[in-house]
Structures are given as structure tokens and as C-alpha cells.
PDB file of N, CA and C in Angstrom:
ATOM      1  N   UNK A   1       0.848  -1.165   0.000  1.00  0.00           N
ATOM      2  CA  UNK A   1       0.000   0.000   0.000  1.00  0.00           C
ATOM      3  C   UNK A   1       0.899   1.234   0.000  1.00  0.00           C
ATOM      4  N   UNK A   2       0.386   2.310  -0.576  1.00  0.00           N
ATOM      5  CA  UNK A   2       1.229   3.474  -0.731  1.00  0.00           C
ATOM      6  C   UNK A   2       0.500   4.721  -0.250  1.00  0.00           C
ATOM      7  N   UNK A   3       1.173   5.475   0.620  1.00  0.00           N
ATOM      8  CA  UNK A   3       0.556   6.648   1.249  1.00  0.00           C
ATOM      9  C   UNK A   3       0.765   7.898   0.404  1.00  0.00           C
ATOM     10  N   UNK A   4      -0.246   8.734   0.396  1.00  0.00           N
ATOM     11  CA  UNK A   4      -0.117  10.021  -0.269  1.00  0.00           C
ATOM     12  C   UNK A   4       0.507  11.000   0.718  1.00  0.00           C
ATOM     13  N   UNK A   5       1.547  11.657   0.277  1.00  0.00           N
ATOM     14  CA  UNK A   5       2.221  12.628   1.138  1.00  0.00           C
ATOM     15  C   UNK A   5       1.734  14.019   0.747  1.00  0.00           C
ATOM     16  N   UNK A   6       1.170  14.710   1.714  1.00  0.00           N
ATOM     17  CA  UNK A   6       0.696  16.071   1.477  1.00  0.00           C
ATOM     18  C   UNK A   6       1.763  17.026   1.996  1.00  0.00           C
ATOM     19  N   UNK A   7       2.265  17.899   1.116  1.00  0.00           N
ATOM     20  CA  UNK A   7       3.314  18.806   1.571  1.00  0.00           C
ATOM     21  C   UNK A   7       2.789  19.762   2.647  1.00  0.00           C
ATOM     22  N   UNK A   8       3.644  20.067   3.601  1.00  0.00           N
ATOM     23  CA  UNK A   8       3.266  21.004   4.663  1.00  0.00           C
ATOM     24  C   UNK A   8       3.129  22.399   4.060  1.00  0.00           C
ATOM     25  N   UNK A   9       2.072  23.083   4.455  1.00  0.00           N
ATOM     26  CA  UNK A   9       1.846  24.444   3.976  1.00  0.00           C
ATOM     27  C   UNK A   9       2.278  25.398   5.084  1.00  0.00           C
ATOM     28  N   UNK A  10       3.164  26.337   4.761  1.00  0.00           N
ATOM     29  CA  UNK A  10       3.587  27.287   5.792  1.00  0.00           C
ATOM     30  C   UNK A  10       2.389  28.030   6.388  1.00  0.00           C
ATOM     31  N   UNK A  11       2.474  28.331   7.674  1.00  0.00           N
ATOM     32  CA  UNK A  11       1.391  29.012   8.394  1.00  0.00           C
ATOM     33  C   UNK A  11       0.954  30.285   7.677  1.00  0.00           C
ATOM     34  N   UNK A  12       1.905  31.070   7.214  1.00  0.00           N
ATOM     35  CA  UNK A  12       1.580  32.333   6.541  1.00  0.00           C
ATOM     36  C   UNK A  12       0.711  32.085   5.314  1.00  0.00           C
ATOM     37  N   UNK A  13       1.016  31.051   4.539  1.00  0.00           N
ATOM     38  CA  UNK A  13       0.235  30.736   3.344  1.00  0.00           C
ATOM     39  C   UNK A  13      -1.172  30.279   3.704  1.00  0.00           C
ATOM     40  N   UNK A  14      -1.302  29.507   4.788  1.00  0.00           N
ATOM     41  CA  UNK A  14      -2.635  29.063   5.217  1.00  0.00           C
ATOM     42  C   UNK A  14      -3.485  30.250   5.625  1.00  0.00           C
ATOM     43  N   UNK A  15      -2.887  31.181   6.357  1.00  0.00           N
ATOM     44  CA  UNK A  15      -3.622  32.367   6.800  1.00  0.00           C
ATOM     45  C   UNK A  15      -4.026  33.204   5.593  1.00  0.00           C
ATOM     46  N   UNK A  16      -3.111  33.390   4.659  1.00  0.00           N
ATOM     47  CA  UNK A  16      -3.411  34.173   3.459  1.00  0.00           C
ATOM     48  C   UNK A  16      -4.567  33.558   2.690  1.00  0.00           C
ATOM     49  N   UNK A  17      -4.538  32.252   2.505  1.00  0.00           N
ATOM     50  CA  UNK A  17      -5.620  31.583   1.778  1.00  0.00           C
ATOM     51  C   UNK A  17      -6.947  31.704   2.524  1.00  0.00           C
ATOM     52  N   UNK A  18      -6.912  31.580   3.833  1.00  0.00           N
ATOM     53  CA  UNK A  18      -8.128  31.721   4.638  1.00  0.00           C
ATOM     54  C   UNK A  18      -8.686  33.137   4.501  1.00  0.00           C
ATOM     55  N   UNK A  19      -7.824  34.139   4.593  1.00  0.00           N
ATOM     56  CA  UNK A  19      -8.272  35.529   4.507  1.00  0.00           C
ATOM     57  C   UNK A  19      -8.880  35.838   3.140  1.00  0.00           C
ATOM     58  N   UNK A  20      -8.406  35.182   2.101  1.00  0.00           N
ATOM     59  CA  UNK A  20      -8.965  35.387   0.766  1.00  0.00           C
ATOM     60  C   UNK A  20     -10.417  34.928   0.689  1.00  0.00           C
ATOM     61  N   UNK A  21     -10.811  34.004   1.548  1.00  0.00           N
ATOM     62  CA  UNK A  21     -12.174  33.481   1.545  1.00  0.00           C
ATOM     63  C   UNK A  21     -13.162  34.383   2.278  1.00  0.00           C
ATOM     64  N   UNK A  22     -12.668  35.292   3.110  1.00  0.00           N
ATOM     65  CA  UNK A  22     -13.542  36.123   3.925  1.00  0.00           C
ATOM     66  C   UNK A  22     -14.081  37.318   3.149  1.00  0.00           C
ATOM     67  N   UNK A  23     -15.285  37.754   3.532  1.00  0.00           N
ATOM     68  CA  UNK A  23     -15.837  38.984   2.977  1.00  0.00           C
ATOM     69  C   UNK A  23     -15.120  40.164   3.625  1.00  0.00           C
ATOM     70  N   UNK A  24     -15.305  41.354   3.071  1.00  0.00           N
ATOM     71  CA  UNK A  24     -14.690  42.543   3.657  1.00  0.00           C
ATOM     72  C   UNK A  24     -15.154  42.737   5.094  1.00  0.00           C
ATOM     73  N   UNK A  25     -16.436  42.549   5.341  1.00  0.00           N
ATOM     74  CA  UNK A  25     -16.977  42.696   6.696  1.00  0.00           C
ATOM     75  C   UNK A  25     -16.311  41.714   7.661  1.00  0.00           C
ATOM     76  N   UNK A  26     -16.121  40.485   7.222  1.00  0.00           N
ATOM     77  CA  UNK A  26     -15.478  39.483   8.071  1.00  0.00           C
ATOM     78  C   UNK A  26     -14.013  39.837   8.328  1.00  0.00           C
ATOM     79  N   UNK A  27     -13.328  40.346   7.304  1.00  0.00           N
ATOM     80  CA  UNK A  27     -11.931  40.742   7.478  1.00  0.00           C
ATOM     81  C   UNK A  27     -11.811  41.863   8.500  1.00  0.00           C
ATOM     82  N   UNK A  28     -12.705  42.834   8.429  1.00  0.00           N
ATOM     83  CA  UNK A  28     -12.682  43.934   9.393  1.00  0.00           C
ATOM     84  C   UNK A  28     -12.913  43.394  10.793  1.00  0.00           C
ATOM     85  N   UNK A  29     -13.842  42.481  10.950  1.00  0.00           N
ATOM     86  CA  UNK A  29     -14.096  41.873  12.253  1.00  0.00           C
ATOM     87  C   UNK A  29     -12.883  41.130  12.782  1.00  0.00           C
ATOM     88  N   UNK A  30     -12.156  40.451  11.918  1.00  0.00           N
ATOM     89  CA  UNK A  30     -10.962  39.726  12.336  1.00  0.00           C
ATOM     90  C   UNK A  30      -9.874  40.675  12.828  1.00  0.00           C
ATOM     91  N   UNK A  31      -9.807  41.854  12.266  1.00  0.00           N
ATOM     92  CA  UNK A  31      -8.788  42.824  12.673  1.00  0.00           C
ATOM     93  C   UNK A  31      -9.012  43.334  14.091  1.00  0.00           C
ATOM     94  N   UNK A  32     -10.245  43.279  14.562  1.00  0.00           N
ATOM     95  CA  UNK A  32     -10.553  43.873  15.852  1.00  0.00           C
ATOM     96  C   UNK A  32     -10.920  42.855  16.919  1.00  0.00           C
ATOM     97  N   UNK A  33     -10.404  41.652  16.801  1.00  0.00           N
ATOM     98  CA  UNK A  33     -10.615  40.666  17.856  1.00  0.00           C
ATOM     99  C   UNK A  33      -9.476  40.857  18.862  1.00  0.00           C
ATOM    100  N   UNK A  34      -9.701  41.802  19.747  1.00  0.00           N
ATOM    101  CA  UNK A  34      -8.745  42.118  20.803  1.00  0.00           C
ATOM    102  C   UNK A  34      -9.532  42.434  22.059  1.00  0.00           C
ATOM    103  N   UNK A  35      -8.875  42.432  23.169  1.00  0.00           N
ATOM    104  CA  UNK A  35      -9.535  42.732  24.431  1.00  0.00           C
ATOM    105  C   UNK A  35      -9.185  44.154  24.842  1.00  0.00           C
ATOM    106  N   UNK A  36     -10.184  45.026  24.847  1.00  0.00           N
ATOM    107  CA  UNK A  36     -10.001  46.400  25.297  1.00  0.00           C
ATOM    108  C   UNK A  36     -10.855  46.573  26.534  1.00  0.00           C
ATOM    109  N   UNK A  37     -10.202  46.894  27.643  1.00  0.00           N
ATOM    110  CA  UNK A  37     -10.936  47.058  28.899  1.00  0.00           C
ATOM    111  C   UNK A  37     -11.747  48.347  28.880  1.00  0.00           C
ATOM    112  N   UNK A  38     -12.899  48.296  29.533  1.00  0.00           N
ATOM    113  CA  UNK A  38     -13.733  49.482  29.656  1.00  0.00           C
ATOM    114  C   UNK A  38     -14.750  49.585  28.533  1.00  0.00           C
ATOM    115  N   UNK A  39     -15.583  50.590  28.626  1.00  0.00           N
ATOM    116  CA  UNK A  39     -16.640  50.754  27.627  1.00  0.00           C
ATOM    117  C   UNK A  39     -16.587  52.123  26.954  1.00  0.00           C
ATOM    118  N   UNK A  40     -15.531  52.883  27.231  1.00  0.00           N
ATOM    119  CA  UNK A  40     -15.392  54.210  26.630  1.00  0.00           C
ATOM    120  C   UNK A  40     -14.160  54.243  25.738  1.00  0.00           C
ATOM    121  N   UNK A  41     -14.298  54.960  24.615  1.00  0.00           N
ATOM    122  CA  UNK A  41     -13.191  55.115  23.685  1.00  0.00           C
ATOM    123  C   UNK A  41     -12.290  56.240  24.186  1.00  0.00           C
ATOM    124  N   UNK A  42     -11.102  55.880  24.600  1.00  0.00           N
ATOM    125  CA  UNK A  42     -10.159  56.866  25.140  1.00  0.00           C
ATOM    126  C   UNK A  42      -9.056  57.147  24.126  1.00  0.00           C
ATOM    127  N   UNK A  43      -8.299  58.209  24.375  1.00  0.00           N
ATOM    128  CA  UNK A  43      -7.159  58.523  23.505  1.00  0.00           C
ATOM    129  C   UNK A  43      -6.152  57.375  23.484  1.00  0.00           C
ATOM    130  N   UNK A  44      -5.982  56.719  24.626  1.00  0.00           N
ATOM    131  CA  UNK A  44      -5.049  55.596  24.709  1.00  0.00           C
ATOM    132  C   UNK A  44      -5.516  54.442  23.817  1.00  0.00           C
ATOM    133  N   UNK A  45      -6.803  54.156  23.826  1.00  0.00           N
ATOM    134  CA  UNK A  45      -7.331  53.073  22.986  1.00  0.00           C
ATOM    135  C   UNK A  45      -7.208  53.443  21.514  1.00  0.00           C
ATOM    136  N   UNK A  46      -7.526  54.681  21.170  1.00  0.00           N
ATOM    137  CA  UNK A  46      -7.394  55.129  19.778  1.00  0.00           C
ATOM    138  C   UNK A  46      -5.945  54.980  19.323  1.00  0.00           C
ATOM    139  N   UNK A  47      -5.017  55.393  20.166  1.00  0.00           N
ATOM    140  CA  UNK A  47      -3.596  55.280  19.845  1.00  0.00           C
ATOM    141  C   UNK A  47      -3.200  53.819  19.650  1.00  0.00           C
ATOM    142  N   UNK A  48      -3.685  52.956  20.532  1.00  0.00           N
ATOM    143  CA  UNK A  48      -3.377  51.526  20.428  1.00  0.00           C
ATOM    144  C   UNK A  48      -3.854  50.967  19.089  1.00  0.00           C
ATOM    145  N   UNK A  49      -5.073  51.284  18.718  1.00  0.00           N
ATOM    146  CA  UNK A  49      -5.635  50.778  17.460  1.00  0.00           C
ATOM    147  C   UNK A  49      -4.842  51.320  16.276  1.00  0.00           C
ATOM    148  N   UNK A  50      -4.534  52.602  16.288  1.00  0.00           N
ATOM    149  CA  UNK A  50      -3.787  53.197  15.180  1.00  0.00           C
ATOM    150  C   UNK A  50      -2.379  52.618  15.083  1.00  0.00           C
ATOM    151  N   UNK A  51      -1.723  52.441  16.214  1.00  0.00           N
ATOM    152  CA  UNK A  51      -0.351  51.932  16.207  1.00  0.00           C
ATOM    153  C   UNK A  51      -0.278  50.463  15.817  1.00  0.00           C
ATOM    154  N   UNK A  52      -1.211  49.673  16.288  1.00  0.00           N
ATOM    155  CA  UNK A  52      -1.157  48.230  16.073  1.00  0.00           C
ATOM    156  C   UNK A  52      -1.877  47.768  14.814  1.00  0.00           C
ATOM    157  N   UNK A  53      -2.855  48.495  14.348  1.00  0.00           N
ATOM    158  CA  UNK A  53      -3.696  48.002  13.260  1.00  0.00           C
ATOM    159  C   UNK A  53      -3.750  48.922  12.063  1.00  0.00           C
ATOM    160  N   UNK A  54      -2.859  49.872  11.968  1.00  0.00           N
ATOM    161  CA  UNK A  54      -2.855  50.790  10.827  1.00  0.00           C
ATOM    162  C   UNK A  54      -2.079  50.186   9.679  1.00  0.00           C
TER     163      UNK A  54
END
């Protein structure tokens, strides 16, 4: 019997292919899956989002 060998796909390529399947709305949602404490938008939070996700 002979096994089929599937080449390993680098993590970056898997993520890229997955992201290609998402709608724009889903991609935007994926960008903001982070934990921000509190319920008010502060200058610190705005800075964090701009610095990390721009």
C-alpha cells in the first residue's frame, strides 16, 4: 500500500488563503478581535488601534 504525502503548507500561506475566503466585513471583524478594557473610547485606545492596526 502506498501513502499520499501532502506537503506542509507554511502558516503564513494558510492564513493568506483563509483571509482570501472572507468577505470585507469578516476581514474587518478579524482585525478587531482584541480585548479592550472598559466601555469608553479613550485617547489611549485610539492610539493603540492606530499603532497596532494601521
